[in-house]
Amino acid sequence: MDSLAVTNVNDMVEYIYSLSSMALLWNVPKQYIKNILMRQTSNGVLHVPKEYGMFRAA
């Protein structure tokens, strides 16, 4: 409840790399970030709490 349920970690990686505020990560391989996020999944779902911001589906 009150979280974004991400089932495609690749989409989250692409989103992270699209943020100008995350420019420091642009030199980090995407696979490295994906591996970190995959370790945080539960039953194939990455839960992003609302504390990290609001997402709007389009």
PDB file of N, CA and C in Angstrom:
ATOM      1  N   MET A   1       0.839  -1.170   0.000  1.00  0.00           N
ATOM      2  CA  MET A   1       0.000   0.000   0.000  1.00  0.00           C
ATOM      3  C   MET A   1       0.896   1.249   0.000  1.00  0.00           C
ATOM      4  N   ASP A   2       0.451   2.271  -0.685  1.00  0.00           N
ATOM      5  CA  ASP A   2       1.198   3.529  -0.785  1.00  0.00           C
ATOM      6  C   ASP A   2       2.589   3.343  -1.371  1.00  0.00           C
ATOM      7  N   SER A   3       2.692   2.491  -2.369  1.00  0.00           N
ATOM      8  CA  SER A   3       3.980   2.317  -3.038  1.00  0.00           C
ATOM      9  C   SER A   3       3.744   1.997  -4.509  1.00  0.00           C
ATOM     10  N   LEU A   4       4.777   2.202  -5.289  1.00  0.00           N
ATOM     11  CA  LEU A   4       4.748   1.842  -6.692  1.00  0.00           C
ATOM     12  C   LEU A   4       5.292   0.425  -6.793  1.00  0.00           C
ATOM     13  N   ALA A   5       4.562  -0.459  -7.446  1.00  0.00           N
ATOM     14  CA  ALA A   5       5.004  -1.840  -7.637  1.00  0.00           C
ATOM     15  C   ALA A   5       5.584  -1.965  -9.046  1.00  0.00           C
ATOM     16  N   VAL A   6       6.884  -2.081  -9.126  1.00  0.00           N
ATOM     17  CA  VAL A   6       7.574  -2.156 -10.416  1.00  0.00           C
ATOM     18  C   VAL A   6       7.833  -3.620 -10.740  1.00  0.00           C
ATOM     19  N   THR A   7       7.296  -4.074 -11.854  1.00  0.00           N
ATOM     20  CA  THR A   7       7.504  -5.460 -12.260  1.00  0.00           C
ATOM     21  C   THR A   7       8.549  -5.589 -13.365  1.00  0.00           C
ATOM     22  N   ASN A   8       8.939  -4.469 -13.949  1.00  0.00           N
ATOM     23  CA  ASN A   8       9.974  -4.478 -14.975  1.00  0.00           C
ATOM     24  C   ASN A   8      11.112  -3.572 -14.498  1.00  0.00           C
ATOM     25  N   VAL A   9      12.116  -4.184 -13.921  1.00  0.00           N
ATOM     26  CA  VAL A   9      13.234  -3.433 -13.352  1.00  0.00           C
ATOM     27  C   VAL A   9      13.977  -2.656 -14.440  1.00  0.00           C
ATOM     28  N   ASN A  10      13.988  -3.158 -15.667  1.00  0.00           N
ATOM     29  CA  ASN A  10      14.645  -2.432 -16.756  1.00  0.00           C
ATOM     30  C   ASN A  10      14.012  -1.056 -16.948  1.00  0.00           C
ATOM     31  N   ASP A  11      12.689  -0.977 -16.814  1.00  0.00           N
ATOM     32  CA  ASP A  11      12.013   0.318 -16.927  1.00  0.00           C
ATOM     33  C   ASP A  11      12.470   1.271 -15.829  1.00  0.00           C
ATOM     34  N   MET A  12      12.647   0.756 -14.625  1.00  0.00           N
ATOM     35  CA  MET A  12      13.103   1.601 -13.524  1.00  0.00           C
ATOM     36  C   MET A  12      14.536   2.075 -13.769  1.00  0.00           C
ATOM     37  N   VAL A  13      15.367   1.209 -14.283  1.00  0.00           N
ATOM     38  CA  VAL A  13      16.748   1.593 -14.600  1.00  0.00           C
ATOM     39  C   VAL A  13      16.744   2.708 -15.640  1.00  0.00           C
ATOM     40  N   GLU A  14      15.961   2.558 -16.679  1.00  0.00           N
ATOM     41  CA  GLU A  14      15.885   3.594 -17.716  1.00  0.00           C
ATOM     42  C   GLU A  14      15.363   4.902 -17.145  1.00  0.00           C
ATOM     43  N   TYR A  15      14.391   4.818 -16.248  1.00  0.00           N
ATOM     44  CA  TYR A  15      13.860   6.021 -15.610  1.00  0.00           C
ATOM     45  C   TYR A  15      14.958   6.718 -14.792  1.00  0.00           C
ATOM     46  N   ILE A  16      15.680   5.953 -14.011  1.00  0.00           N
ATOM     47  CA  ILE A  16      16.753   6.515 -13.184  1.00  0.00           C
ATOM     48  C   ILE A  16      17.776   7.230 -14.060  1.00  0.00           C
ATOM     49  N   TYR A  17      18.163   6.602 -15.168  1.00  0.00           N
ATOM     50  CA  TYR A  17      19.167   7.201 -16.045  1.00  0.00           C
ATOM     51  C   TYR A  17      18.626   8.400 -16.815  1.00  0.00           C
ATOM     52  N   SER A  18      17.322   8.562 -16.861  1.00  0.00           N
ATOM     53  CA  SER A  18      16.745   9.709 -17.566  1.00  0.00           C
ATOM     54  C   SER A  18      16.713  10.966 -16.697  1.00  0.00           C
ATOM     55  N   LEU A  19      16.947  10.819 -15.401  1.00  0.00           N
ATOM     56  CA  LEU A  19      16.894  11.952 -14.488  1.00  0.00           C
ATOM     57  C   LEU A  19      18.199  12.738 -14.524  1.00  0.00           C
ATOM     58  N   SER A  20      18.103  14.023 -14.790  1.00  0.00           N
ATOM     59  CA  SER A  20      19.319  14.833 -14.828  1.00  0.00           C
ATOM     60  C   SER A  20      19.996  14.882 -13.462  1.00  0.00           C
ATOM     61  N   SER A  21      19.220  14.728 -12.402  1.00  0.00           N
ATOM     62  CA  SER A  21      19.800  14.746 -11.057  1.00  0.00           C
ATOM     63  C   SER A  21      20.624  13.490 -10.764  1.00  0.00           C
ATOM     64  N   MET A  22      20.518  12.509 -11.617  1.00  0.00           N
ATOM     65  CA  MET A  22      21.275  11.272 -11.437  1.00  0.00           C
ATOM     66  C   MET A  22      22.447  11.186 -12.411  1.00  0.00           C
ATOM     67  N   ALA A  23      22.893  12.324 -12.903  1.00  0.00           N
ATOM     68  CA  ALA A  23      23.966  12.362 -13.895  1.00  0.00           C
ATOM     69  C   ALA A  23      25.235  11.668 -13.405  1.00  0.00           C
ATOM     70  N   LEU A  24      25.465  11.650 -12.101  1.00  0.00           N
ATOM     71  CA  LEU A  24      26.658  10.981 -11.571  1.00  0.00           C
ATOM     72  C   LEU A  24      26.648   9.481 -11.867  1.00  0.00           C
ATOM     73  N   LEU A  25      25.474   8.924 -12.090  1.00  0.00           N
ATOM     74  CA  LEU A  25      25.378   7.490 -12.377  1.00  0.00           C
ATOM     75  C   LEU A  25      25.598   7.161 -13.849  1.00  0.00           C
ATOM     76  N   TRP A  26      25.611   8.150 -14.696  1.00  0.00           N
ATOM     77  CA  TRP A  26      25.698   7.888 -16.123  1.00  0.00           C
ATOM     78  C   TRP A  26      26.951   7.123 -16.509  1.00  0.00           C
ATOM     79  N   ASN A  27      27.986   7.176 -15.681  1.00  0.00           N
ATOM     80  CA  ASN A  27      29.202   6.414 -15.960  1.00  0.00           C
ATOM     81  C   ASN A  27      29.176   5.026 -15.337  1.00  0.00           C
ATOM     82  N   VAL A  28      28.127   4.729 -14.602  1.00  0.00           N
ATOM     83  CA  VAL A  28      27.965   3.416 -13.967  1.00  0.00           C
ATOM     84  C   VAL A  28      27.192   2.529 -14.940  1.00  0.00           C
ATOM     85  N   PRO A  29      27.672   1.318 -15.190  1.00  0.00           N
ATOM     86  CA  PRO A  29      26.942   0.430 -16.106  1.00  0.00           C
ATOM     87  C   PRO A  29      25.517   0.174 -15.616  1.00  0.00           C
ATOM     88  N   LYS A  30      24.585   0.194 -16.553  1.00  0.00           N
ATOM     89  CA  LYS A  30      23.175  -0.033 -16.210  1.00  0.00           C
ATOM     90  C   LYS A  30      22.971  -1.396 -15.550  1.00  0.00           C
ATOM     91  N   GLN A  31      23.734  -2.382 -15.981  1.00  0.00           N
ATOM     92  CA  GLN A  31      23.586  -3.722 -15.399  1.00  0.00           C
ATOM     93  C   GLN A  31      23.909  -3.710 -13.911  1.00  0.00           C
ATOM     94  N   TYR A  32      24.851  -2.897 -13.498  1.00  0.00           N
ATOM     95  CA  TYR A  32      25.210  -2.789 -12.087  1.00  0.00           C
ATOM     96  C   TYR A  32      24.019  -2.268 -11.277  1.00  0.00           C
ATOM     97  N   ILE A  33      23.372  -1.216 -11.770  1.00  0.00           N
ATOM     98  CA  ILE A  33      22.199  -0.657 -11.091  1.00  0.00           C
ATOM     99  C   ILE A  33      21.061  -1.673 -11.101  1.00  0.00           C
ATOM    100  N   LYS A  34      20.881  -2.354 -12.218  1.00  0.00           N
ATOM    101  CA  LYS A  34      19.830  -3.371 -12.313  1.00  0.00           C
ATOM    102  C   LYS A  34      20.054  -4.470 -11.274  1.00  0.00           C
ATOM    103  N   ASN A  35      21.289  -4.907 -11.113  1.00  0.00           N
ATOM    104  CA  ASN A  35      21.589  -5.951 -10.132  1.00  0.00           C
ATOM    105  C   ASN A  35      21.238  -5.494  -8.718  1.00  0.00           C
ATOM    106  N   ILE A  36      21.528  -4.237  -8.401  1.00  0.00           N
ATOM    107  CA  ILE A  36      21.191  -3.702  -7.082  1.00  0.00           C
ATOM    108  C   ILE A  36      19.680  -3.713  -6.884  1.00  0.00           C
ATOM    109  N   LEU A  37      18.947  -3.239  -7.890  1.00  0.00           N
ATOM    110  CA  LEU A  37      17.487  -3.206  -7.780  1.00  0.00           C
ATOM    111  C   LEU A  37      16.894  -4.613  -7.701  1.00  0.00           C
ATOM    112  N   MET A  38      17.454  -5.539  -8.466  1.00  0.00           N
ATOM    113  CA  MET A  38      16.944  -6.917  -8.454  1.00  0.00           C
ATOM    114  C   MET A  38      17.079  -7.546  -7.069  1.00  0.00           C
ATOM    115  N   ARG A  39      18.118  -7.184  -6.337  1.00  0.00           N
ATOM    116  CA  ARG A  39      18.290  -7.725  -4.978  1.00  0.00           C
ATOM    117  C   ARG A  39      17.225  -7.184  -4.026  1.00  0.00           C
ATOM    118  N   GLN A  40      16.572  -6.096  -4.416  1.00  0.00           N
ATOM    119  CA  GLN A  40      15.540  -5.493  -3.568  1.00  0.00           C
ATOM    120  C   GLN A  40      14.131  -5.961  -3.933  1.00  0.00           C
ATOM    121  N   THR A  41      14.017  -6.814  -4.938  1.00  0.00           N
ATOM    122  CA  THR A  41      12.692  -7.285  -5.342  1.00  0.00           C
ATOM    123  C   THR A  41      12.214  -8.411  -4.441  1.00  0.00           C
ATOM    124  N   SER A  42      10.909  -8.546  -4.398  1.00  0.00           N
ATOM    125  CA  SER A  42      10.273  -9.639  -3.670  1.00  0.00           C
ATOM    126  C   SER A  42       9.220 -10.234  -4.589  1.00  0.00           C
ATOM    127  N   ASN A  43       9.373 -11.508  -4.907  1.00  0.00           N
ATOM    128  CA  ASN A  43       8.466 -12.185  -5.839  1.00  0.00           C
ATOM    129  C   ASN A  43       8.376 -11.449  -7.174  1.00  0.00           C
ATOM    130  N   GLY A  44       9.515 -10.927  -7.634  1.00  0.00           N
ATOM    131  CA  GLY A  44       9.568 -10.258  -8.923  1.00  0.00           C
ATOM    132  C   GLY A  44       9.032  -8.838  -8.937  1.00  0.00           C
ATOM    133  N   VAL A  45       8.792  -8.265  -7.759  1.00  0.00           N
ATOM    134  CA  VAL A  45       8.243  -6.912  -7.668  1.00  0.00           C
ATOM    135  C   VAL A  45       9.167  -6.040  -6.832  1.00  0.00           C
ATOM    136  N   LEU A  46       9.500  -4.878  -7.371  1.00  0.00           N
ATOM    137  CA  LEU A  46      10.271  -3.873  -6.649  1.00  0.00           C
ATOM    138  C   LEU A  46       9.274  -2.852  -6.117  1.00  0.00           C
ATOM    139  N   HIS A  47       9.196  -2.730  -4.808  1.00  0.00           N
ATOM    140  CA  HIS A  47       8.272  -1.778  -4.191  1.00  0.00           C
ATOM    141  C   HIS A  47       9.013  -0.476  -3.915  1.00  0.00           C
ATOM    142  N   VAL A  48       8.512   0.610  -4.511  1.00  0.00           N
ATOM    143  CA  VAL A  48       9.108   1.937  -4.329  1.00  0.00           C
ATOM    144  C   VAL A  48       8.155   2.736  -3.443  1.00  0.00           C
ATOM    145  N   PRO A  49       8.534   2.997  -2.183  1.00  0.00           N
ATOM    146  CA  PRO A  49       7.646   3.708  -1.263  1.00  0.00           C
ATOM    147  C   PRO A  49       7.395   5.148  -1.703  1.00  0.00           C
ATOM    148  N   LYS A  50       6.284   5.686  -1.252  1.00  0.00           N
ATOM    149  CA  LYS A  50       5.907   7.045  -1.650  1.00  0.00           C
ATOM    150  C   LYS A  50       6.907   8.091  -1.183  1.00  0.00           C
ATOM    151  N   GLU A  51       7.734   7.772  -0.221  1.00  0.00           N
ATOM    152  CA  GLU A  51       8.748   8.711   0.254  1.00  0.00           C
ATOM    153  C   GLU A  51       9.719   9.119  -0.848  1.00  0.00           C
ATOM    154  N   TYR A  52       9.826   8.292  -1.896  1.00  0.00           N
ATOM    155  CA  TYR A  52      10.754   8.574  -2.985  1.00  0.00           C
ATOM    156  C   TYR A  52      10.144   9.446  -4.069  1.00  0.00           C
ATOM    157  N   GLY A  53       8.909   9.846  -3.907  1.00  0.00           N
ATOM    158  CA  GLY A  53       8.289  10.755  -4.868  1.00  0.00           C
ATOM    159  C   GLY A  53       6.994  10.209  -5.419  1.00  0.00           C
ATOM    160  N   MET A  54       6.406  11.002  -6.260  1.00  0.00           N
ATOM    161  CA  MET A  54       5.139  10.636  -6.856  1.00  0.00           C
ATOM    162  C   MET A  54       5.380  10.300  -8.334  1.00  0.00           C
ATOM    163  N   PHE A  55       4.737   9.253  -8.788  1.00  0.00           N
ATOM    164  CA  PHE A  55       4.822   8.853 -10.179  1.00  0.00           C
ATOM    165  C   PHE A  55       3.433   9.001 -10.788  1.00  0.00           C
ATOM    166  N   ARG A  56       3.400   9.428 -12.018  1.00  0.00           N
ATOM    167  CA  ARG A  56       2.128   9.585 -12.702  1.00  0.00           C
ATOM    168  C   ARG A  56       2.183   8.738 -13.954  1.00  0.00           C
ATOM    169  N   ALA A  57       1.257   7.835 -14.073  1.00  0.00           N
ATOM    170  CA  ALA A  57       1.203   6.976 -15.251  1.00  0.00           C
ATOM    171  C   ALA A  57       0.612   7.748 -16.418  1.00  0.00           C
ATOM    172  N   ALA A  58       1.178   7.552 -17.555  1.00  0.00           N
ATOM    173  CA  ALA A  58       0.663   8.248 -18.750  1.00  0.00           C
ATOM    174  C   ALA A  58       0.214   7.238 -19.772  1.00  0.00           C
TER     175      ALA A  58
END
